[in-house]
C-alpha atoms as a PDB file:
ATOM      1  CA  MET A   1      -9.970   9.123   1.253  1.00  0.00           C
ATOM      2  CA  SER A   2     -12.568   7.192  -0.688  1.00  0.00           C
ATOM      3  CA  ASP A   3     -14.334   3.856  -0.679  1.00  0.00           C
ATOM      4  CA  LYS A   4     -15.231   4.062  -4.379  1.00  0.00           C
ATOM      5  CA  SER A   5     -13.330   2.523  -7.276  1.00  0.00           C
ATOM      6  CA  ILE A   6     -10.996   4.799  -9.198  1.00  0.00           C
ATOM      7  CA  LYS A   7      -9.549   5.205 -12.660  1.00  0.00           C
ATOM      8  CA  ILE A   8      -5.796   5.570 -13.082  1.00  0.00           C
ATOM      9  CA  SER A   9      -3.793   7.577 -15.595  1.00  0.00           C
ATOM     10  CA  LEU A  10      -0.343   6.227 -16.455  1.00  0.00           C
ATOM     11  CA  VAL A  11       2.225   8.977 -17.072  1.00  0.00           C
ATOM     12  CA  ILE A  12       5.632   8.436 -18.698  1.00  0.00           C
ATOM     13  CA  ILE A  13       8.222  10.910 -19.974  1.00  0.00           C
ATOM     14  CA  THR A  14      10.440   9.666 -22.795  1.00  0.00           C
ATOM     15  CA  TYR A  15      13.407  10.371 -25.005  1.00  0.00           C
ATOM     16  CA  ASN A  16      14.638   7.655 -27.385  1.00  0.00           C
ATOM     17  CA  GLU A  17      13.189   4.780 -25.374  1.00  0.00           C
ATOM     18  CA  GLU A  18      12.468   2.288 -28.157  1.00  0.00           C
ATOM     19  CA  LYS A  19      14.387  -0.436 -26.265  1.00  0.00           C
ATOM     20  CA  ASN A  20      12.308  -0.058 -23.099  1.00  0.00           C
ATOM     21  CA  ILE A  21       8.924   1.521 -23.681  1.00  0.00           C
ATOM     22  CA  GLU A  22       6.959  -1.477 -24.979  1.00  0.00           C
ATOM     23  CA  ARG A  23       7.914  -3.619 -21.982  1.00  0.00           C
ATOM     24  CA  CYS A  24       6.699  -0.847 -19.671  1.00  0.00           C
ATOM     25  CA  LEU A  25       3.417  -0.285 -21.512  1.00  0.00           C
ATOM     26  CA  LYS A  26       2.617  -4.008 -21.654  1.00  0.00           C
ATOM     27  CA  SER A  27       3.029  -4.433 -17.902  1.00  0.00           C
ATOM     28  CA  ALA A  28       0.768  -1.487 -17.039  1.00  0.00           C
ATOM     29  CA  SER A  29      -1.920  -1.893 -19.703  1.00  0.00           C
ATOM     30  CA  GLU A  30      -4.180  -4.132 -17.595  1.00  0.00           C
ATOM     31  CA  VAL A  31      -4.069  -1.728 -14.645  1.00  0.00           C
ATOM     32  CA  VAL A  32      -4.497   1.755 -16.124  1.00  0.00           C
ATOM     33  CA  ASP A  33      -7.405   3.484 -17.882  1.00  0.00           C
ATOM     34  CA  GLU A  34      -5.416   6.139 -19.729  1.00  0.00           C
ATOM     35  CA  ILE A  35      -1.811   6.449 -20.900  1.00  0.00           C
ATOM     36  CA  ILE A  36      -0.059   9.794 -21.279  1.00  0.00           C
ATOM     37  CA  VAL A  37       3.422   9.971 -22.799  1.00  0.00           C
ATOM     38  CA  LEU A  38       5.284  13.270 -22.911  1.00  0.00           C
ATOM     39  CA  ASP A  39       8.229  12.922 -25.263  1.00  0.00           C
ATOM     40  CA  SER A  40      11.259  15.178 -25.681  1.00  0.00           C
ATOM     41  CA  PHE A  41      11.357  14.853 -29.484  1.00  0.00           C
ATOM     42  CA  SER A  42      12.712  11.314 -29.774  1.00  0.00           C
ATOM     43  CA  THR A  43      14.490  10.408 -33.000  1.00  0.00           C
ATOM     44  CA  ASP A  44      13.943   6.632 -32.731  1.00  0.00           C
ATOM     45  CA  LYS A  45      10.759   4.503 -32.841  1.00  0.00           C
ATOM     46  CA  THR A  46       9.426   5.569 -29.416  1.00  0.00           C
ATOM     47  CA  GLU A  47       6.346   7.315 -30.845  1.00  0.00           C
ATOM     48  CA  GLU A  48       5.583   4.494 -33.281  1.00  0.00           C
ATOM     49  CA  ILE A  49       5.655   1.906 -30.477  1.00  0.00           C
ATOM     50  CA  CYS A  50       3.552   4.034 -28.120  1.00  0.00           C
ATOM     51  CA  LYS A  51       0.772   4.463 -30.654  1.00  0.00           C
ATOM     52  CA  LYS A  52       0.263   0.678 -30.700  1.00  0.00           C
ATOM     53  CA  TYR A  53      -1.029   1.010 -27.115  1.00  0.00           C
ATOM     54  CA  ASN A  54      -3.643   3.731 -27.532  1.00  0.00           C
ATOM     55  CA  VAL A  55      -1.332   6.292 -25.971  1.00  0.00           C
ATOM     56  CA  LYS A  56      -2.046  10.012 -25.864  1.00  0.00           C
ATOM     57  CA  PHE A  57       1.312  11.190 -27.164  1.00  0.00           C
ATOM     58  CA  TYR A  58       2.568  14.750 -26.601  1.00  0.00           C
ATOM     59  CA  LYS A  59       5.868  16.463 -27.327  1.00  0.00           C
ATOM     60  CA  GLN A  60       7.652  19.032 -25.218  1.00  0.00           C
ATOM     61  CA  LYS A  61      11.230  20.258 -24.947  1.00  0.00           C
ATOM     62  CA  PHE A  62      12.782  18.759 -21.809  1.00  0.00           C
ATOM     63  CA  LEU A  63      12.208  21.066 -18.824  1.00  0.00           C
ATOM     64  CA  GLY A  64      14.000  19.098 -16.099  1.00  0.00           C
ATOM     65  CA  TYR A  65      12.762  15.847 -14.569  1.00  0.00           C
ATOM     66  CA  ALA A  66      10.277  17.199 -12.003  1.00  0.00           C
ATOM     67  CA  GLU A  67       8.872  19.934 -14.225  1.00  0.00           C
ATOM     68  CA  GLN A  68       8.563  17.595 -17.220  1.00  0.00           C
ATOM     69  CA  LYS A  69       6.676  14.997 -15.175  1.00  0.00           C
ATOM     70  CA  ASN A  70       4.318  17.622 -13.744  1.00  0.00           C
ATOM     71  CA  LYS A  71       3.701  18.896 -17.265  1.00  0.00           C
ATOM     72  CA  ALA A  72       2.793  15.371 -18.364  1.00  0.00           C
ATOM     73  CA  ILE A  73       0.330  15.067 -15.475  1.00  0.00           C
ATOM     74  CA  SER A  74      -1.429  18.221 -16.685  1.00  0.00           C
ATOM     75  CA  PHE A  75      -2.662  16.212 -19.694  1.00  0.00           C
ATOM     76  CA  THR A  76      -4.372  13.534 -17.574  1.00  0.00           C
ATOM     77  CA  SER A  77      -8.137  13.231 -17.073  1.00  0.00           C
ATOM     78  CA  ASN A  78      -8.144  11.062 -13.899  1.00  0.00           C
ATOM     79  CA  ASP A  79      -7.286  12.059 -10.340  1.00  0.00           C
ATOM     80  CA  TYR A  80      -5.023   9.106  -9.604  1.00  0.00           C
ATOM     81  CA  ILE A  81      -1.643   9.048 -11.306  1.00  0.00           C
ATOM     82  CA  LEU A  82       0.648   6.075 -11.859  1.00  0.00           C
ATOM     83  CA  SER A  83       4.036   7.500 -12.806  1.00  0.00           C
ATOM     84  CA  LEU A  84       6.623   5.173 -14.358  1.00  0.00           C
ATOM     85  CA  ASP A  85       9.917   5.590 -16.126  1.00  0.00           C
ATOM     86  CA  ALA A  86      10.232   3.882 -19.499  1.00  0.00           C
ATOM     87  CA  ASP A  87      12.735   1.366 -18.097  1.00  0.00           C
ATOM     88  CA  GLU A  88      10.405   0.295 -15.264  1.00  0.00           C
ATOM     89  CA  VAL A  89       8.001  -2.665 -15.261  1.00  0.00           C
ATOM     90  CA  LEU A  90       5.236  -3.694 -12.862  1.00  0.00           C
ATOM     91  CA  SER A  91       5.828  -7.137 -11.345  1.00  0.00           C
ATOM     92  CA  ASP A  92       2.915  -9.601 -11.302  1.00  0.00           C
ATOM     93  CA  GLU A  93       2.491  -9.128  -7.544  1.00  0.00           C
ATOM     94  CA  LEU A  94       2.472  -5.354  -7.895  1.00  0.00           C
ATOM     95  CA  ILE A  95      -0.156  -5.575 -10.653  1.00  0.00           C
ATOM     96  CA  LYS A  96      -2.420  -7.542  -8.287  1.00  0.00           C
ATOM     97  CA  SER A  97      -1.893  -4.945  -5.546  1.00  0.00           C
ATOM     98  CA  LEU A  98      -2.723  -2.074  -7.884  1.00  0.00           C
ATOM     99  CA  ILE A  99      -5.913  -3.789  -9.071  1.00  0.00           C
ATOM    100  CA  SER A 100      -6.979  -4.123  -5.425  1.00  0.00           C
ATOM    101  CA  VAL A 101      -6.240  -0.434  -4.830  1.00  0.00           C
ATOM    102  CA  LYS A 102      -8.348   0.502  -7.866  1.00  0.00           C
ATOM    103  CA  ARG A 103     -11.332  -1.364  -6.489  1.00  0.00           C
ATOM    104  CA  LYS A 104     -11.159   0.232  -3.062  1.00  0.00           C
ATOM    105  CA  PRO A 105      -8.702   3.107  -2.599  1.00  0.00           C
ATOM    106  CA  VAL A 106      -8.255   4.149   1.011  1.00  0.00           C
ATOM    107  CA  PHE A 107      -5.061   6.214   0.897  1.00  0.00           C
ATOM    108  CA  ASP A 108      -4.000   9.385  -0.894  1.00  0.00           C
ATOM    109  CA  ALA A 109      -0.696   7.881  -2.042  1.00  0.00           C
ATOM    110  CA  TYR A 110       0.966   4.497  -2.385  1.00  0.00           C
ATOM    111  CA  ASN A 111       4.633   3.608  -2.527  1.00  0.00           C
ATOM    112  CA  PHE A 112       6.385   0.513  -3.835  1.00  0.00           C
ATOM    113  CA  ASN A 113       9.724  -1.212  -3.395  1.00  0.00           C
ATOM    114  CA  ARG A 114      11.851  -0.741  -6.508  1.00  0.00           C
ATOM    115  CA  LEU A 115      14.049  -3.684  -7.496  1.00  0.00           C
ATOM    116  CA  ASN A 116      16.946  -2.805  -9.775  1.00  0.00           C
ATOM    117  CA  ILE A 117      17.995  -5.263 -12.460  1.00  0.00           C
ATOM    118  CA  TYR A 118      21.665  -4.612 -13.186  1.00  0.00           C
ATOM    119  CA  CYS A 119      23.462  -6.481 -15.973  1.00  0.00           C
ATOM    120  CA  ARG A 120      20.544  -8.962 -15.922  1.00  0.00           C
ATOM    121  CA  LYS A 121      20.914  -9.584 -12.183  1.00  0.00           C
ATOM    122  CA  LYS A 122      18.405  -8.580  -9.481  1.00  0.00           C
ATOM    123  CA  ILE A 123      20.084  -6.440  -6.827  1.00  0.00           C
ATOM    124  CA  LYS A 124      18.673  -6.841  -3.326  1.00  0.00           C
ATOM    125  CA  THR A 125      21.605  -5.254  -1.480  1.00  0.00           C
ATOM    126  CA  THR A 126      23.224  -1.785  -1.254  1.00  0.00           C
ATOM    127  CA  SER A 127      21.055   1.347  -1.095  1.00  0.00           C
ATOM    128  CA  TRP A 128      19.380   0.179  -4.296  1.00  0.00           C
ATOM    129  CA  TYR A 129      16.875  -1.978  -2.416  1.00  0.00           C
ATOM    130  CA  PRO A 130      14.148  -1.533  -1.311  1.00  0.00           C
ATOM    131  CA  ASP A 131      14.520   2.012  -2.774  1.00  0.00           C
ATOM    132  CA  ARG A 132      10.891   2.892  -1.981  1.00  0.00           C
ATOM    133  CA  LYS A 133       9.130   5.354  -4.276  1.00  0.00           C
ATOM    134  CA  ILE A 134       5.710   7.028  -4.281  1.00  0.00           C
ATOM    135  CA  ARG A 135       4.413   6.221  -7.757  1.00  0.00           C
ATOM    136  CA  LEU A 136       0.625   6.150  -7.329  1.00  0.00           C
ATOM    137  CA  TRP A 137      -1.139   9.156  -5.812  1.00  0.00           C
ATOM    138  CA  ASN A 138      -4.009  11.598  -6.032  1.00  0.00           C
ATOM    139  CA  LYS A 139      -2.712  14.443  -8.206  1.00  0.00           C
ATOM    140  CA  ASN A 140      -4.793  16.947  -6.241  1.00  0.00           C
ATOM    141  CA  LYS A 141      -2.793  16.155  -3.102  1.00  0.00           C
ATOM    142  CA  GLY A 142       0.788  15.979  -4.323  1.00  0.00           C
ATOM    143  CA  LYS A 143       3.174  16.629  -7.203  1.00  0.00           C
ATOM    144  CA  TRP A 144       6.738  16.076  -8.369  1.00  0.00           C
ATOM    145  CA  SER A 145       9.343  18.231  -6.667  1.00  0.00           C
ATOM    146  CA  GLY A 146      13.077  18.695  -7.139  1.00  0.00           C
ATOM    147  CA  ASP A 147      15.787  20.532  -9.003  1.00  0.00           C
ATOM    148  CA  LEU A 148      18.085  19.138 -11.660  1.00  0.00           C
ATOM    149  CA  ILE A 149      18.297  15.617 -10.267  1.00  0.00           C
ATOM    150  CA  HIS A 150      16.660  13.164  -7.856  1.00  0.00           C
ATOM    151  CA  GLU A 151      13.066  14.327  -8.204  1.00  0.00           C
ATOM    152  CA  LEU A 152      10.452  12.935  -5.837  1.00  0.00           C
ATOM    153  CA  VAL A 153       6.724  13.098  -5.234  1.00  0.00           C
ATOM    154  CA  LYS A 154       5.956  15.547  -2.443  1.00  0.00           C
ATOM    155  CA  MET A 155       2.547  15.125  -0.841  1.00  0.00           C
ATOM    156  CA  ASN A 156       0.550  17.885   0.853  1.00  0.00           C
ATOM    157  CA  GLU A 157       0.273  18.004   4.631  1.00  0.00           C
ATOM    158  CA  ASN A 158      -2.201  15.647   6.311  1.00  0.00           C
ATOM    159  CA  THR A 159      -2.209  13.154   3.448  1.00  0.00           C
ATOM    160  CA  ASN A 160      -1.804   9.445   4.095  1.00  0.00           C
ATOM    161  CA  LEU A 161       0.541   6.905   2.516  1.00  0.00           C
ATOM    162  CA  LYS A 162       0.636   3.115   2.269  1.00  0.00           C
ATOM    163  CA  LEU A 163       3.320   0.681   1.130  1.00  0.00           C
ATOM    164  CA  ILE A 164       1.817  -2.003  -1.105  1.00  0.00           C
ATOM    165  CA  LYS A 165       3.145  -5.446  -1.962  1.00  0.00           C
ATOM    166  CA  GLY A 166       5.092  -6.156  -5.106  1.00  0.00           C
ATOM    167  CA  ASP A 167       8.277  -4.829  -6.680  1.00  0.00           C
ATOM    168  CA  LEU A 168       8.618  -2.184  -9.335  1.00  0.00           C
ATOM    169  CA  LEU A 169      11.250  -3.721 -11.611  1.00  0.00           C
ATOM    170  CA  HIS A 170      13.827  -1.216 -12.800  1.00  0.00           C
ATOM    171  CA  TYR A 171      15.968  -2.342 -15.750  1.00  0.00           C
ATOM    172  CA  SER A 172      18.758   0.023 -14.864  1.00  0.00           C
ATOM    173  CA  TYR A 173      21.972  -0.812 -16.742  1.00  0.00           C
ATOM    174  CA  ASN A 174      22.935  -3.565 -19.174  1.00  0.00           C
ATOM    175  CA  SER A 175      26.657  -3.000 -18.688  1.00  0.00           C
ATOM    176  CA  ILE A 176      29.156  -1.346 -16.372  1.00  0.00           C
ATOM    177  CA  GLU A 177      29.969   1.050 -19.204  1.00  0.00           C
ATOM    178  CA  GLU A 178      26.336   2.261 -19.287  1.00  0.00           C
ATOM    179  CA  HIS A 179      26.456   2.788 -15.528  1.00  0.00           C
ATOM    180  CA  LEU A 180      29.668   4.831 -15.753  1.00  0.00           C
ATOM    181  CA  ILE A 181      28.277   7.019 -18.545  1.00  0.00           C
ATOM    182  CA  GLN A 182      25.136   7.753 -16.524  1.00  0.00           C
ATOM    183  CA  SER A 183      27.164   8.351 -13.360  1.00  0.00           C
ATOM    184  CA  ASN A 184      29.192  10.967 -15.198  1.00  0.00           C
ATOM    185  CA  LYS A 185      25.970  12.677 -16.291  1.00  0.00           C
ATOM    186  CA  PHE A 186      24.410  12.543 -12.823  1.00  0.00           C
ATOM    187  CA  SER A 187      27.594  13.781 -11.137  1.00  0.00           C
ATOM    188  CA  SER A 188      27.550  16.865 -13.366  1.00  0.00           C
ATOM    189  CA  LEU A 189      23.922  17.595 -12.502  1.00  0.00           C
ATOM    190  CA  GLY A 190      24.643  16.906  -8.832  1.00  0.00           C
ATOM    191  CA  ALA A 191      27.583  19.298  -8.883  1.00  0.00           C
ATOM    192  CA  GLU A 192      25.378  22.114 -10.173  1.00  0.00           C
ATOM    193  CA  LYS A 193      22.934  21.427  -7.355  1.00  0.00           C
ATOM    194  CA  LEU A 194      25.736  21.349  -4.752  1.00  0.00           C
ATOM    195  CA  ILE A 195      27.094  24.784  -5.549  1.00  0.00           C
ATOM    196  CA  LYS A 196      23.566  26.130  -5.350  1.00  0.00           C
ATOM    197  CA  TYR A 197      22.800  24.766  -1.870  1.00  0.00           C
ATOM    198  CA  GLU A 198      26.089  23.829  -0.176  1.00  0.00           C
ATOM    199  CA  LYS A 199      28.384  26.715   0.597  1.00  0.00           C
ATOM    200  CA  LYS A 200      31.163  25.192   2.721  1.00  0.00           C
ATOM    201  CA  TYR A 201      33.673  22.339   2.877  1.00  0.00           C
ATOM    202  CA  LEU A 202      33.211  21.082  -0.680  1.00  0.00           C
ATOM    203  CA  THR A 203      36.893  20.100  -0.955  1.00  0.00           C
ATOM    204  CA  LEU A 204      36.826  18.241   2.357  1.00  0.00           C
ATOM    205  CA  LYS A 205      33.644  16.442   1.349  1.00  0.00           C
ATOM    206  CA  ALA A 206      35.263  15.439  -1.955  1.00  0.00           C
ATOM    207  CA  PHE A 207      37.765  13.450   0.131  1.00  0.00           C
ATOM    208  CA  LEU A 208      35.468  12.096   2.844  1.00  0.00           C
ATOM    209  CA  ASN A 209      32.048  11.497   1.315  1.00  0.00           C
ATOM    210  CA  PRO A 210      33.137   8.861  -1.252  1.00  0.00           C
ATOM    211  CA  PHE A 211      34.500   6.686   1.579  1.00  0.00           C
ATOM    212  CA  VAL A 212      31.292   7.186   3.591  1.00  0.00           C
ATOM    213  CA  SER A 213      29.252   6.271   0.521  1.00  0.00           C
ATOM    214  CA  PHE A 214      31.200   3.053  -0.052  1.00  0.00           C
ATOM    215  CA  LEU A 215      30.975   1.976   3.592  1.00  0.00           C
ATOM    216  CA  LYS A 216      27.241   2.683   3.651  1.00  0.00           C
ATOM    217  CA  ASN A 217      26.503   0.645   0.536  1.00  0.00           C
ATOM    218  CA  TYR A 218      28.967  -2.208   0.953  1.00  0.00           C
ATOM    219  CA  LEU A 219      28.763  -2.704   4.727  1.00  0.00           C
ATOM    220  CA  LEU A 220      25.652  -1.075   6.221  1.00  0.00           C
ATOM    221  CA  LYS A 221      23.425  -1.929   3.251  1.00  0.00           C
ATOM    222  CA  ARG A 222      24.884  -5.459   2.977  1.00  0.00           C
ATOM    223  CA  GLY A 223      26.522  -5.051  -0.405  1.00  0.00           C
ATOM    224  CA  PHE A 224      29.074  -7.679   0.658  1.00  0.00           C
ATOM    225  CA  LEU A 225      26.301 -10.288   0.415  1.00  0.00           C
ATOM    226  CA  GLY A 226      25.753  -9.544  -3.274  1.00  0.00           C
ATOM    227  CA  GLY A 227      29.108 -10.733  -4.563  1.00  0.00           C
ATOM    228  CA  TYR A 228      31.184  -8.914  -7.156  1.00  0.00           C
ATOM    229  CA  THR A 229      28.191  -7.153  -8.744  1.00  0.00           C
ATOM    230  CA  SER A 230      27.193  -5.391  -5.519  1.00  0.00           C
ATOM    231  CA  PHE A 231      30.860  -4.568  -4.865  1.00  0.00           C
ATOM    232  CA  MET A 232      31.080  -2.915  -8.286  1.00  0.00           C
ATOM    233  CA  ILE A 233      27.851  -0.981  -7.695  1.00  0.00           C
ATOM    234  CA  SER A 234      29.194   0.271  -4.353  1.00  0.00           C
ATOM    235  CA  VAL A 235      32.450   1.372  -6.008  1.00  0.00           C
ATOM    236  CA  ILE A 236      30.684   3.233  -8.829  1.00  0.00           C
ATOM    237  CA  ILE A 237      28.277   4.968  -6.424  1.00  0.00           C
ATOM    238  CA  SER A 238      31.305   6.061  -4.387  1.00  0.00           C
ATOM    239  CA  PHE A 239      33.114   7.256  -7.507  1.00  0.00           C
ATOM    240  CA  GLU A 240      30.043   9.216  -8.611  1.00  0.00           C
ATOM    241  CA  THR A 241      30.075  10.939  -5.208  1.00  0.00           C
ATOM    242  CA  PHE A 242      33.740  11.825  -5.713  1.00  0.00           C
ATOM    243  CA  MET A 243      33.085  13.187  -9.217  1.00  0.00           C
ATOM    244  CA  LYS A 244      30.107  15.212  -8.009  1.00  0.00           C
ATOM    245  CA  TYR A 245      32.061  17.020  -5.298  1.00  0.00           C
ATOM    246  CA  SER A 246      35.184  17.398  -7.455  1.00  0.00           C
ATOM    247  CA  LYS A 247      33.145  18.985 -10.249  1.00  0.00           C
ATOM    248  CA  ALA A 248      31.437  21.238  -7.692  1.00  0.00           C
ATOM    249  CA  VAL A 249      34.840  22.411  -6.426  1.00  0.00           C
ATOM    250  CA  GLN A 250      35.864  23.241  -9.989  1.00  0.00           C
ATOM    251  CA  LEU A 251      32.602  25.071 -10.699  1.00  0.00           C
ATOM    252  CA  ARG A 252      33.069  27.120  -7.527  1.00  0.00           C
ATOM    253  CA  LYS A 253      36.597  28.066  -8.588  1.00  0.00           C
ATOM    254  CA  ASN A 254      35.345  29.095 -12.016  1.00  0.00           C
ATOM    255  CA  GLU A 255      32.682  31.290 -10.395  1.00  0.00           C
ATOM    256  CA  ARG A 256      35.303  33.064  -8.288  1.00  0.00           C
ATOM    257  CA  LYS A 257      37.488  33.697 -11.323  1.00  0.00           C
ATOM    258  CA  LEU A 258      34.552  35.313 -13.109  1.00  0.00           C
ATOM    259  CA  ILE A 259      33.860  37.565 -10.100  1.00  0.00           C
ATOM    260  CA  LYS A 260      37.483  38.750 -10.099  1.00  0.00           C
END
């Protein structure tokens, strides 16, 4: 803990983010003291846009989400890290909170509520909200952790955490088609993770878990209050669960055939 002001390094990993990156950089520019972008060899105008914002721009073949983000942090010169995705934007309230933290940091890590913007609509139901994430922390006391998918910041033991006011705006999908394409990608990555860690009942879970997922998002997480959009989100999340387990079952069968 500290009662002194701090400097913050913004870290972003990118690949073909010309549609998003400027919005992200603009929102964070008044908060951060350094910007690090680690790019996976984009072929669009990502680099050109970044260099308008005094960014330290590096290139690296994609290593996986957690490993790539930790690699990006290795280029920073400040202890405190603000980690954003290119499609995320700091809300005005969150900017004010971060400025206050800079002046007098008390905690080792800070988390925010993330508000997804889906087809231009803010989603405050389903498991998508508040979707709290640690995105500001002392890099000496925590780092990104995870396998192929769903990386998270894991803090060391005996560190302290505070939720601060303001939403992190996540411009997730502009269309249902975009969501389905990404769900297909994530289900494939999730399937690879499943066969690595889950050994039993994959077929049974392929039947049951999609229903559990839908009930959780649409009923328990109040998706029914969000109209058709939240219904559609709940359905697609459920379908992604089904695809993940179905693909895992197929991968397991393929493994057994190779053994024979």
